[in-house]
C-alpha atoms as a PDB file:
ATOM      1  CA  UNK A   1       0.000   0.000   0.000  1.00  0.00           C
ATOM      2  CA  UNK A   2       1.100   3.544  -0.662  1.00  0.00           C
ATOM      3  CA  UNK A   3       1.523   5.339   2.641  1.00  0.00           C
ATOM      4  CA  UNK A   4       0.352   8.871   3.384  1.00  0.00           C
ATOM      5  CA  UNK A   5       1.369  11.020   6.355  1.00  0.00           C
ATOM      6  CA  UNK A   6      -0.603  10.355   9.536  1.00  0.00           C
ATOM      7  CA  UNK A   7      -1.486  14.049   9.670  1.00  0.00           C
ATOM      8  CA  UNK A   8      -3.551  13.598   6.483  1.00  0.00           C
ATOM      9  CA  UNK A   9      -5.447  10.676   7.995  1.00  0.00           C
ATOM     10  CA  UNK A  10      -6.121  12.679  11.181  1.00  0.00           C
ATOM     11  CA  UNK A  11      -7.461  15.513   9.011  1.00  0.00           C
ATOM     12  CA  UNK A  12      -9.710  13.117   7.068  1.00  0.00           C
ATOM     13  CA  UNK A  13     -11.056  11.655  10.322  1.00  0.00           C
ATOM     14  CA  UNK A  14     -12.271  15.129  11.307  1.00  0.00           C
ATOM     15  CA  UNK A  15     -14.255  15.487   8.088  1.00  0.00           C
ATOM     16  CA  UNK A  16     -15.319  12.119   6.732  1.00  0.00           C
ATOM     17  CA  UNK A  17     -18.199  10.110   8.177  1.00  0.00           C
ATOM     18  CA  UNK A  18     -19.159   6.454   7.681  1.00  0.00           C
ATOM     19  CA  UNK A  19     -21.602   6.030   4.807  1.00  0.00           C
ATOM     20  CA  UNK A  20     -20.474   9.118   2.900  1.00  0.00           C
ATOM     21  CA  UNK A  21     -19.744   9.200  -0.824  1.00  0.00           C
ATOM     22  CA  UNK A  22     -16.362  10.762  -1.639  1.00  0.00           C
ATOM     23  CA  UNK A  23     -14.756  11.847  -4.920  1.00  0.00           C
ATOM     24  CA  UNK A  24     -10.972  11.467  -5.159  1.00  0.00           C
ATOM     25  CA  UNK A  25     -10.049  13.463  -8.259  1.00  0.00           C
ATOM     26  CA  UNK A  26      -6.467  12.990  -9.433  1.00  0.00           C
ATOM     27  CA  UNK A  27      -6.174   9.925  -7.218  1.00  0.00           C
ATOM     28  CA  UNK A  28      -2.647   9.048  -8.320  1.00  0.00           C
ATOM     29  CA  UNK A  29      -1.803   5.595  -6.913  1.00  0.00           C
ATOM     30  CA  UNK A  30      -4.642   5.630  -4.396  1.00  0.00           C
ATOM     31  CA  UNK A  31      -3.112   6.561  -1.051  1.00  0.00           C
ATOM     32  CA  UNK A  32      -6.001   8.879  -0.186  1.00  0.00           C
ATOM     33  CA  UNK A  33      -8.491   6.523  -1.840  1.00  0.00           C
ATOM     34  CA  UNK A  34      -7.611   3.697   0.523  1.00  0.00           C
ATOM     35  CA  UNK A  35      -7.561   5.881   3.640  1.00  0.00           C
ATOM     36  CA  UNK A  36     -10.908   7.427   2.693  1.00  0.00           C
ATOM     37  CA  UNK A  37     -12.457   4.024   1.903  1.00  0.00           C
ATOM     38  CA  UNK A  38     -11.601   2.825   5.376  1.00  0.00           C
ATOM     39  CA  UNK A  39     -13.238   5.899   6.885  1.00  0.00           C
ATOM     40  CA  UNK A  40     -16.502   5.704   4.896  1.00  0.00           C
ATOM     41  CA  UNK A  41     -16.696   1.980   5.607  1.00  0.00           C
ATOM     42  CA  UNK A  42     -18.781  -0.649   3.836  1.00  0.00           C
ATOM     43  CA  UNK A  43     -21.835   1.600   3.547  1.00  0.00           C
ATOM     44  CA  UNK A  44     -19.917   4.447   1.882  1.00  0.00           C
ATOM     45  CA  UNK A  45     -18.309   4.904  -1.517  1.00  0.00           C
ATOM     46  CA  UNK A  46     -15.089   6.422  -2.799  1.00  0.00           C
ATOM     47  CA  UNK A  47     -15.019   7.183  -6.513  1.00  0.00           C
ATOM     48  CA  UNK A  48     -11.438   7.719  -7.638  1.00  0.00           C
ATOM     49  CA  UNK A  49     -10.386   9.261 -10.925  1.00  0.00           C
ATOM     50  CA  UNK A  50      -6.869   9.247 -12.360  1.00  0.00           C
ATOM     51  CA  UNK A  51      -6.435  10.407 -15.990  1.00  0.00           C
ATOM     52  CA  UNK A  52      -2.925   9.005 -16.567  1.00  0.00           C
ATOM     53  CA  UNK A  53      -3.362   5.450 -17.864  1.00  0.00           C
ATOM     54  CA  UNK A  54      -0.290   3.873 -16.271  1.00  0.00           C
ATOM     55  CA  UNK A  55      -0.891   5.543 -12.908  1.00  0.00           C
ATOM     56  CA  UNK A  56      -4.580   4.560 -13.123  1.00  0.00           C
ATOM     57  CA  UNK A  57      -3.487   0.932 -13.538  1.00  0.00           C
ATOM     58  CA  UNK A  58      -1.294   1.281 -10.438  1.00  0.00           C
ATOM     59  CA  UNK A  59      -4.293   2.772  -8.604  1.00  0.00           C
ATOM     60  CA  UNK A  60      -6.436  -0.221  -9.572  1.00  0.00           C
ATOM     61  CA  UNK A  61      -3.780  -2.696  -8.486  1.00  0.00           C
ATOM     62  CA  UNK A  62      -3.174  -0.848  -5.231  1.00  0.00           C
ATOM     63  CA  UNK A  63      -6.846  -0.892  -4.312  1.00  0.00           C
ATOM     64  CA  UNK A  64      -7.368  -4.483  -5.450  1.00  0.00           C
ATOM     65  CA  UNK A  65      -4.334  -5.945  -3.736  1.00  0.00           C
ATOM     66  CA  UNK A  66      -3.840  -3.854  -0.650  1.00  0.00           C
ATOM     67  CA  UNK A  67      -7.166  -2.598   0.532  1.00  0.00           C
ATOM     68  CA  UNK A  68      -9.336  -5.540  -0.374  1.00  0.00           C
ATOM     69  CA  UNK A  69      -7.461  -8.412   1.206  1.00  0.00           C
ATOM     70  CA  UNK A  70     -10.753 -10.274   1.454  1.00  0.00           C
ATOM     71  CA  UNK A  71     -10.945 -10.210  -2.365  1.00  0.00           C
ATOM     72  CA  UNK A  72      -7.276 -10.436  -3.353  1.00  0.00           C
ATOM     73  CA  UNK A  73      -7.360 -14.245  -3.515  1.00  0.00           C
ATOM     74  CA  UNK A  74     -10.243 -14.032  -5.997  1.00  0.00           C
ATOM     75  CA  UNK A  75      -8.376 -11.452  -8.096  1.00  0.00           C
ATOM     76  CA  UNK A  76      -5.198 -13.550  -8.166  1.00  0.00           C
ATOM     77  CA  UNK A  77      -7.180 -16.634  -9.221  1.00  0.00           C
ATOM     78  CA  UNK A  78      -8.850 -14.651 -12.005  1.00  0.00           C
ATOM     79  CA  UNK A  79      -5.548 -13.305 -13.333  1.00  0.00           C
ATOM     80  CA  UNK A  80      -4.093 -16.823 -13.219  1.00  0.00           C
ATOM     81  CA  UNK A  81      -7.105 -18.215 -15.115  1.00  0.00           C
ATOM     82  CA  UNK A  82      -6.547 -15.603 -17.830  1.00  0.00           C
ATOM     83  CA  UNK A  83      -3.131 -17.143 -18.483  1.00  0.00           C
ATOM     84  CA  UNK A  84      -0.838 -14.736 -16.651  1.00  0.00           C
ATOM     85  CA  UNK A  85       2.163 -15.408 -14.446  1.00  0.00           C
ATOM     86  CA  UNK A  86       2.331 -13.002 -11.515  1.00  0.00           C
ATOM     87  CA  UNK A  87       5.317 -11.639  -9.623  1.00  0.00           C
ATOM     88  CA  UNK A  88       5.687  -9.366  -6.596  1.00  0.00           C
ATOM     89  CA  UNK A  89       7.742  -6.257  -7.296  1.00  0.00           C
ATOM     90  CA  UNK A  90       8.468  -4.420  -4.045  1.00  0.00           C
ATOM     91  CA  UNK A  91      11.019  -1.650  -4.593  1.00  0.00           C
ATOM     92  CA  UNK A  92      11.992   0.652  -1.758  1.00  0.00           C
ATOM     93  CA  UNK A  93      10.348   4.070  -2.011  1.00  0.00           C
ATOM     94  CA  UNK A  94      13.740   5.729  -1.584  1.00  0.00           C
ATOM     95  CA  UNK A  95      16.182   5.634  -4.483  1.00  0.00           C
ATOM     96  CA  UNK A  96      19.620   7.137  -3.868  1.00  0.00           C
ATOM     97  CA  UNK A  97      19.765   7.995  -7.578  1.00  0.00           C
ATOM     98  CA  UNK A  98      16.614  10.129  -7.360  1.00  0.00           C
ATOM     99  CA  UNK A  99      16.056  13.073  -9.704  1.00  0.00           C
ATOM    100  CA  UNK A 100      17.074  15.726  -7.149  1.00  0.00           C
ATOM    101  CA  UNK A 101      20.030  13.775  -5.795  1.00  0.00           C
ATOM    102  CA  UNK A 102      18.562  13.939  -2.302  1.00  0.00           C
ATOM    103  CA  UNK A 103      20.591  11.641  -0.051  1.00  0.00           C
ATOM    104  CA  UNK A 104      18.111  11.743   2.850  1.00  0.00           C
ATOM    105  CA  UNK A 105      15.921   8.652   3.063  1.00  0.00           C
ATOM    106  CA  UNK A 106      12.720   9.802   4.764  1.00  0.00           C
ATOM    107  CA  UNK A 107      10.931   6.546   3.870  1.00  0.00           C
ATOM    108  CA  UNK A 108      13.053   4.090   5.843  1.00  0.00           C
ATOM    109  CA  UNK A 109      12.352   0.577   4.613  1.00  0.00           C
ATOM    110  CA  UNK A 110       8.860   1.292   3.207  1.00  0.00           C
ATOM    111  CA  UNK A 111       8.284  -0.368  -0.150  1.00  0.00           C
ATOM    112  CA  UNK A 112       5.823   0.053  -2.978  1.00  0.00           C
ATOM    113  CA  UNK A 113       3.928  -3.231  -3.372  1.00  0.00           C
ATOM    114  CA  UNK A 114       3.203  -3.997  -7.011  1.00  0.00           C
ATOM    115  CA  UNK A 115       2.093  -7.067  -8.897  1.00  0.00           C
ATOM    116  CA  UNK A 116       3.703  -7.644 -12.279  1.00  0.00           C
ATOM    117  CA  UNK A 117       1.543  -9.779 -14.587  1.00  0.00           C
ATOM    118  CA  UNK A 118       2.967 -11.254 -17.797  1.00  0.00           C
ATOM    119  CA  UNK A 119       1.059 -13.550 -20.111  1.00  0.00           C
ATOM    120  CA  UNK A 120       2.460 -17.067 -20.100  1.00  0.00           C
ATOM    121  CA  UNK A 121       2.844 -16.988 -23.887  1.00  0.00           C
ATOM    122  CA  UNK A 122       5.749 -14.544 -23.421  1.00  0.00           C
ATOM    123  CA  UNK A 123       9.192 -15.825 -22.389  1.00  0.00           C
ATOM    124  CA  UNK A 124       9.885 -14.837 -18.799  1.00  0.00           C
ATOM    125  CA  UNK A 125      13.068 -14.416 -16.831  1.00  0.00           C
ATOM    126  CA  UNK A 126      11.819 -12.350 -13.896  1.00  0.00           C
ATOM    127  CA  UNK A 127      13.960 -11.814 -10.809  1.00  0.00           C
ATOM    128  CA  UNK A 128      11.035 -11.281  -8.461  1.00  0.00           C
ATOM    129  CA  UNK A 129       9.169 -13.702  -6.182  1.00  0.00           C
ATOM    130  CA  UNK A 130       6.248 -15.430  -7.864  1.00  0.00           C
ATOM    131  CA  UNK A 131       2.748 -14.791  -6.525  1.00  0.00           C
ATOM    132  CA  UNK A 132       1.292 -17.937  -4.992  1.00  0.00           C
ATOM    133  CA  UNK A 133      -2.133 -18.719  -6.451  1.00  0.00           C
ATOM    134  CA  UNK A 134      -4.550 -19.645  -3.641  1.00  0.00           C
ATOM    135  CA  UNK A 135      -6.284 -23.018  -3.926  1.00  0.00           C
END
């Protein structure tokens, strides 16, 4: 899951009520989406919009894999049935070769949890742990 500062969550808790419907416009990878979904609970809704296709796909994966643990087994089975091999890609959020050359790691050992899916018809030599398909 993408992490957001605790101060943002405290702010959301002051505003958001269970059962509300929330719009998350420019949702990026879904950090606010997930926090807001937990606050509105099962009777509420969070509609997230992200116009950049690749980031939207990351948003979908983030929500599917990290916020809906009760449904992630079903999602993994579905992807497997479609003929895809799946791998966990969990890079650290901090990269010492970052654009600004900032040497300070404010993220510690926090990683970005991503699932890489490649159709089995494509040759694969992936150096990432395989996702275990639930039985």
